[in-house]
C-alpha atoms as a PDB file:
ATOM      1  CA  UNK A   1       9.674  13.062 -16.732  1.00  0.00           C
ATOM      2  CA  UNK A   2      12.687  10.703 -17.342  1.00  0.00           C
ATOM      3  CA  UNK A   3      13.079   9.382 -20.832  1.00  0.00           C
ATOM      4  CA  UNK A   4      15.091   6.645 -22.388  1.00  0.00           C
ATOM      5  CA  UNK A   5      16.056   2.999 -20.721  1.00  0.00           C
ATOM      6  CA  UNK A   6      15.648   4.246 -17.001  1.00  0.00           C
ATOM      7  CA  UNK A   7      11.884   5.583 -17.787  1.00  0.00           C
ATOM      8  CA  UNK A   8      11.227   2.470 -19.587  1.00  0.00           C
ATOM      9  CA  UNK A   9      12.803   0.268 -16.747  1.00  0.00           C
ATOM     10  CA  UNK A  10      10.308   1.630 -14.335  1.00  0.00           C
ATOM     11  CA  UNK A  11       7.264   1.282 -16.331  1.00  0.00           C
ATOM     12  CA  UNK A  12       8.260  -2.322 -16.462  1.00  0.00           C
ATOM     13  CA  UNK A  13       8.402  -2.675 -13.061  1.00  0.00           C
ATOM     14  CA  UNK A  14       5.246  -0.780 -12.769  1.00  0.00           C
ATOM     15  CA  UNK A  15       3.597  -3.237 -14.887  1.00  0.00           C
ATOM     16  CA  UNK A  16       5.136  -6.430 -13.069  1.00  0.00           C
ATOM     17  CA  UNK A  17       3.667  -4.748  -9.823  1.00  0.00           C
ATOM     18  CA  UNK A  18       0.123  -4.200 -11.702  1.00  0.00           C
ATOM     19  CA  UNK A  19       0.272  -7.928 -12.417  1.00  0.00           C
ATOM     20  CA  UNK A  20       1.543  -9.246  -8.965  1.00  0.00           C
ATOM     21  CA  UNK A  21      -1.452  -7.083  -7.696  1.00  0.00           C
ATOM     22  CA  UNK A  22      -3.999  -8.623  -9.909  1.00  0.00           C
ATOM     23  CA  UNK A  23      -2.724 -12.119  -9.071  1.00  0.00           C
ATOM     24  CA  UNK A  24      -2.591 -11.325  -5.255  1.00  0.00           C
ATOM     25  CA  UNK A  25      -6.158 -10.073  -5.180  1.00  0.00           C
ATOM     26  CA  UNK A  26      -7.252 -13.188  -7.214  1.00  0.00           C
ATOM     27  CA  UNK A  27      -5.776 -15.694  -4.626  1.00  0.00           C
ATOM     28  CA  UNK A  28      -7.970 -17.171  -2.216  1.00  0.00           C
ATOM     29  CA  UNK A  29      -5.239 -18.234   0.172  1.00  0.00           C
ATOM     30  CA  UNK A  30      -3.958 -15.480   2.558  1.00  0.00           C
ATOM     31  CA  UNK A  31      -0.298 -16.591   2.402  1.00  0.00           C
ATOM     32  CA  UNK A  32      -0.204 -16.586  -1.191  1.00  0.00           C
ATOM     33  CA  UNK A  33      -1.729 -13.281  -1.158  1.00  0.00           C
ATOM     34  CA  UNK A  34       1.022 -11.946   1.385  1.00  0.00           C
ATOM     35  CA  UNK A  35       3.872 -13.194  -0.801  1.00  0.00           C
ATOM     36  CA  UNK A  36       2.365 -11.879  -3.772  1.00  0.00           C
ATOM     37  CA  UNK A  37       1.688  -8.406  -2.000  1.00  0.00           C
ATOM     38  CA  UNK A  38       5.161  -8.272  -0.940  1.00  0.00           C
ATOM     39  CA  UNK A  39       6.473  -9.308  -4.408  1.00  0.00           C
ATOM     40  CA  UNK A  40       4.370  -6.485  -5.857  1.00  0.00           C
ATOM     41  CA  UNK A  41       6.017  -3.873  -3.120  1.00  0.00           C
ATOM     42  CA  UNK A  42       9.411  -5.146  -4.158  1.00  0.00           C
ATOM     43  CA  UNK A  43       8.265  -4.154  -7.820  1.00  0.00           C
ATOM     44  CA  UNK A  44       7.135  -0.928  -6.992  1.00  0.00           C
ATOM     45  CA  UNK A  45      10.173   0.041  -5.117  1.00  0.00           C
ATOM     46  CA  UNK A  46      12.123  -0.797  -8.153  1.00  0.00           C
ATOM     47  CA  UNK A  47       9.596   1.033 -10.220  1.00  0.00           C
ATOM     48  CA  UNK A  48      10.097   4.230  -7.980  1.00  0.00           C
ATOM     49  CA  UNK A  49      13.799   3.797  -8.147  1.00  0.00           C
ATOM     50  CA  UNK A  50      13.933   3.900 -11.881  1.00  0.00           C
ATOM     51  CA  UNK A  51      11.788   6.657 -12.037  1.00  0.00           C
ATOM     52  CA  UNK A  52      13.947   8.560  -9.355  1.00  0.00           C
ATOM     53  CA  UNK A  53      11.260   9.070  -6.869  1.00  0.00           C
ATOM     54  CA  UNK A  54      13.690   8.249  -3.713  1.00  0.00           C
ATOM     55  CA  UNK A  55      11.061   8.870  -1.098  1.00  0.00           C
ATOM     56  CA  UNK A  56       8.528   6.630  -2.357  1.00  0.00           C
ATOM     57  CA  UNK A  57      11.232   3.790  -3.192  1.00  0.00           C
ATOM     58  CA  UNK A  58      12.605   4.014   0.431  1.00  0.00           C
ATOM     59  CA  UNK A  59       8.864   3.887   2.134  1.00  0.00           C
ATOM     60  CA  UNK A  60       7.812   1.255  -0.426  1.00  0.00           C
ATOM     61  CA  UNK A  61      10.718  -0.867   0.830  1.00  0.00           C
ATOM     62  CA  UNK A  62       9.705  -0.172   4.594  1.00  0.00           C
ATOM     63  CA  UNK A  63       6.018  -0.813   3.533  1.00  0.00           C
ATOM     64  CA  UNK A  64       7.195  -4.731   3.168  1.00  0.00           C
ATOM     65  CA  UNK A  65       8.628  -4.551   6.614  1.00  0.00           C
ATOM     66  CA  UNK A  66       5.282  -3.048   7.803  1.00  0.00           C
ATOM     67  CA  UNK A  67       3.282  -5.798   6.306  1.00  0.00           C
ATOM     68  CA  UNK A  68       5.515  -8.551   8.049  1.00  0.00           C
ATOM     69  CA  UNK A  69       5.381  -6.525  11.577  1.00  0.00           C
ATOM     70  CA  UNK A  70       1.871  -5.814  11.450  1.00  0.00           C
ATOM     71  CA  UNK A  71       0.622  -9.495  10.871  1.00  0.00           C
ATOM     72  CA  UNK A  72       3.414 -10.360  13.555  1.00  0.00           C
ATOM     73  CA  UNK A  73       2.573  -7.751  16.036  1.00  0.00           C
ATOM     74  CA  UNK A  74      -1.057  -6.926  15.605  1.00  0.00           C
ATOM     75  CA  UNK A  75      -2.349  -3.861  17.910  1.00  0.00           C
ATOM     76  CA  UNK A  76       1.241  -3.086  18.982  1.00  0.00           C
ATOM     77  CA  UNK A  77       1.898   0.599  19.597  1.00  0.00           C
ATOM     78  CA  UNK A  78       5.549   0.432  19.940  1.00  0.00           C
ATOM     79  CA  UNK A  79       6.077  -1.648  16.974  1.00  0.00           C
ATOM     80  CA  UNK A  80       3.843   0.624  15.041  1.00  0.00           C
ATOM     81  CA  UNK A  81       5.633   3.807  16.568  1.00  0.00           C
ATOM     82  CA  UNK A  82       9.022   2.112  15.327  1.00  0.00           C
ATOM     83  CA  UNK A  83       7.627   1.742  11.687  1.00  0.00           C
ATOM     84  CA  UNK A  84       6.472   5.400  11.655  1.00  0.00           C
ATOM     85  CA  UNK A  85       9.852   6.363  13.154  1.00  0.00           C
ATOM     86  CA  UNK A  86      12.138   4.685  10.485  1.00  0.00           C
ATOM     87  CA  UNK A  87       9.569   6.094   8.002  1.00  0.00           C
ATOM     88  CA  UNK A  88      10.146   9.525   9.152  1.00  0.00           C
ATOM     89  CA  UNK A  89      13.987   9.094   8.872  1.00  0.00           C
ATOM     90  CA  UNK A  90      13.564   7.688   5.682  1.00  0.00           C
ATOM     91  CA  UNK A  91      11.361  10.381   4.061  1.00  0.00           C
ATOM     92  CA  UNK A  92      13.820  12.868   5.728  1.00  0.00           C
ATOM     93  CA  UNK A  93      16.886  11.315   3.872  1.00  0.00           C
ATOM     94  CA  UNK A  94      15.530  11.228   0.769  1.00  0.00           C
ATOM     95  CA  UNK A  95      12.980  14.368   0.392  1.00  0.00           C
ATOM     96  CA  UNK A  96      13.087  16.078  -2.869  1.00  0.00           C
ATOM     97  CA  UNK A  97      10.099  17.933  -2.611  1.00  0.00           C
ATOM     98  CA  UNK A  98       6.232  18.297  -1.807  1.00  0.00           C
ATOM     99  CA  UNK A  99       5.559  15.622  -4.549  1.00  0.00           C
ATOM    100  CA  UNK A 100       7.061  13.216  -1.939  1.00  0.00           C
ATOM    101  CA  UNK A 101       4.316  13.985   0.517  1.00  0.00           C
ATOM    102  CA  UNK A 102       1.636  11.683  -0.973  1.00  0.00           C
ATOM    103  CA  UNK A 103       3.891   8.952  -0.265  1.00  0.00           C
ATOM    104  CA  UNK A 104       4.597   9.884   3.348  1.00  0.00           C
ATOM    105  CA  UNK A 105       0.755  10.479   3.909  1.00  0.00           C
ATOM    106  CA  UNK A 106       0.186   6.961   2.186  1.00  0.00           C
ATOM    107  CA  UNK A 107       2.637   5.337   4.678  1.00  0.00           C
ATOM    108  CA  UNK A 108       1.086   7.295   7.840  1.00  0.00           C
ATOM    109  CA  UNK A 109      -2.246   5.903   6.709  1.00  0.00           C
ATOM    110  CA  UNK A 110      -1.255   2.417   5.820  1.00  0.00           C
ATOM    111  CA  UNK A 111       0.809   2.025   8.983  1.00  0.00           C
ATOM    112  CA  UNK A 112      -1.656   3.411  11.366  1.00  0.00           C
ATOM    113  CA  UNK A 113      -4.478   1.077   9.504  1.00  0.00           C
ATOM    114  CA  UNK A 114      -2.583  -2.104   9.523  1.00  0.00           C
ATOM    115  CA  UNK A 115      -1.675  -1.992  13.159  1.00  0.00           C
ATOM    116  CA  UNK A 116      -4.456  -0.447  15.255  1.00  0.00           C
ATOM    117  CA  UNK A 117      -7.596  -1.144  12.983  1.00  0.00           C
ATOM    118  CA  UNK A 118      -9.429  -4.061  11.892  1.00  0.00           C
ATOM    119  CA  UNK A 119     -12.328  -4.886   9.614  1.00  0.00           C
ATOM    120  CA  UNK A 120     -14.240  -1.753   7.822  1.00  0.00           C
ATOM    121  CA  UNK A 121     -12.072   0.769   9.517  1.00  0.00           C
ATOM    122  CA  UNK A 122      -8.806  -0.845   8.692  1.00  0.00           C
ATOM    123  CA  UNK A 123     -10.095  -1.049   5.028  1.00  0.00           C
ATOM    124  CA  UNK A 124     -11.015   2.387   4.754  1.00  0.00           C
ATOM    125  CA  UNK A 125      -7.816   3.376   5.988  1.00  0.00           C
ATOM    126  CA  UNK A 126      -6.232   1.291   3.550  1.00  0.00           C
ATOM    127  CA  UNK A 127      -8.014   2.569   1.011  1.00  0.00           C
ATOM    128  CA  UNK A 128      -7.071   6.101   1.849  1.00  0.00           C
ATOM    129  CA  UNK A 129      -3.650   5.309   1.822  1.00  0.00           C
ATOM    130  CA  UNK A 130      -4.182   3.624  -1.709  1.00  0.00           C
ATOM    131  CA  UNK A 131      -5.191   6.882  -2.883  1.00  0.00           C
ATOM    132  CA  UNK A 132      -2.415   8.517  -1.655  1.00  0.00           C
ATOM    133  CA  UNK A 133      -0.022   5.972  -3.275  1.00  0.00           C
ATOM    134  CA  UNK A 134      -2.107   6.349  -6.339  1.00  0.00           C
ATOM    135  CA  UNK A 135      -1.181  10.279  -6.404  1.00  0.00           C
ATOM    136  CA  UNK A 136       2.499   9.449  -5.657  1.00  0.00           C
ATOM    137  CA  UNK A 137       2.605   6.880  -8.668  1.00  0.00           C
ATOM    138  CA  UNK A 138       0.824   9.559 -10.789  1.00  0.00           C
ATOM    139  CA  UNK A 139       3.506  12.327  -9.869  1.00  0.00           C
ATOM    140  CA  UNK A 140       6.489   9.685 -10.549  1.00  0.00           C
ATOM    141  CA  UNK A 141       4.703   9.219 -14.027  1.00  0.00           C
ATOM    142  CA  UNK A 142       4.059   5.489 -13.037  1.00  0.00           C
ATOM    143  CA  UNK A 143       1.569   4.030 -15.609  1.00  0.00           C
ATOM    144  CA  UNK A 144       1.580   0.378 -13.930  1.00  0.00           C
ATOM    145  CA  UNK A 145       1.944   1.741 -10.326  1.00  0.00           C
ATOM    146  CA  UNK A 146      -0.931   4.134 -10.993  1.00  0.00           C
ATOM    147  CA  UNK A 147      -3.277   1.406 -12.372  1.00  0.00           C
ATOM    148  CA  UNK A 148      -2.423  -1.067  -9.451  1.00  0.00           C
ATOM    149  CA  UNK A 149      -3.563   1.630  -6.929  1.00  0.00           C
ATOM    150  CA  UNK A 150      -6.749   2.197  -8.602  1.00  0.00           C
ATOM    151  CA  UNK A 151      -7.388  -1.566  -8.771  1.00  0.00           C
ATOM    152  CA  UNK A 152      -6.664  -1.650  -5.110  1.00  0.00           C
ATOM    153  CA  UNK A 153      -9.045   1.177  -4.583  1.00  0.00           C
ATOM    154  CA  UNK A 154     -11.736  -0.371  -6.452  1.00  0.00           C
ATOM    155  CA  UNK A 155     -11.246  -3.529  -4.882  1.00  0.00           C
ATOM    156  CA  UNK A 156     -11.357  -2.165  -1.391  1.00  0.00           C
ATOM    157  CA  UNK A 157     -14.262  -0.294  -2.098  1.00  0.00           C
ATOM    158  CA  UNK A 158     -16.237  -3.389  -3.299  1.00  0.00           C
ATOM    159  CA  UNK A 159     -14.994  -5.233  -0.366  1.00  0.00           C
ATOM    160  CA  UNK A 160     -16.380  -2.615   2.297  1.00  0.00           C
ATOM    161  CA  UNK A 161     -19.583  -2.488   0.445  1.00  0.00           C
ATOM    162  CA  UNK A 162     -20.106  -6.161   0.652  1.00  0.00           C
ATOM    163  CA  UNK A 163     -19.053  -6.289   4.405  1.00  0.00           C
ATOM    164  CA  UNK A 164     -21.527  -3.483   4.859  1.00  0.00           C
ATOM    165  CA  UNK A 165     -24.102  -5.224   3.305  1.00  0.00           C
ATOM    166  CA  UNK A 166     -23.536  -8.493   4.982  1.00  0.00           C
ATOM    167  CA  UNK A 167     -23.537  -6.676   8.249  1.00  0.00           C
ATOM    168  CA  UNK A 168     -26.828  -5.353   7.528  1.00  0.00           C
ATOM    169  CA  UNK A 169     -28.423  -8.920   6.605  1.00  0.00           C
ATOM    170  CA  UNK A 170     -26.634 -10.590   9.248  1.00  0.00           C
ATOM    171  CA  UNK A 171     -26.012  -8.562  12.247  1.00  0.00           C
ATOM    172  CA  UNK A 172     -25.900 -11.255  14.762  1.00  0.00           C
ATOM    173  CA  UNK A 173     -22.625 -12.596  13.016  1.00  0.00           C
ATOM    174  CA  UNK A 174     -20.949  -9.132  13.216  1.00  0.00           C
ATOM    175  CA  UNK A 175     -21.771  -8.524  16.770  1.00  0.00           C
ATOM    176  CA  UNK A 176     -18.616  -7.601  18.731  1.00  0.00           C
ATOM    177  CA  UNK A 177     -16.299  -7.289  15.666  1.00  0.00           C
ATOM    178  CA  UNK A 178     -14.880  -4.484  13.949  1.00  0.00           C
ATOM    179  CA  UNK A 179     -16.182  -5.179  10.752  1.00  0.00           C
END
């Protein structure tokens, strides 16, 4: 694990990302949520850079691009394939060892979930991606990042539970939807 100013800077940006994630999930406005999540990912990328987790840093920057493209081109297999290809190139260029694998798994799960799925299946896939990101943060020694991903996992699980409960109570509302 790194010591000194560089490690402290990494921890600082991880805590900034945690704060931004909390603000994002507290927001009731989709646009504000998106801006805060993009900002959180910038902080995560800086955290990974300072902690010298190069693959996670590169893939986190691509997460920002993915969020934007998935919103603009939902369901596009071609755009998804482009994001996955760019992720593969970034991972190959920065690969340091097996500790980089969770970030790659997270990127693939999140990309497939965001482009191809909706409702509960998307949230399950994004929850699995968050677990992989949490492992990546743990391996990098990032306290704030680990806590932020734990927050995402718990919040996502609660949302899935609430959607399942609503679907049982009001099945007519969910007919024909993916939720």
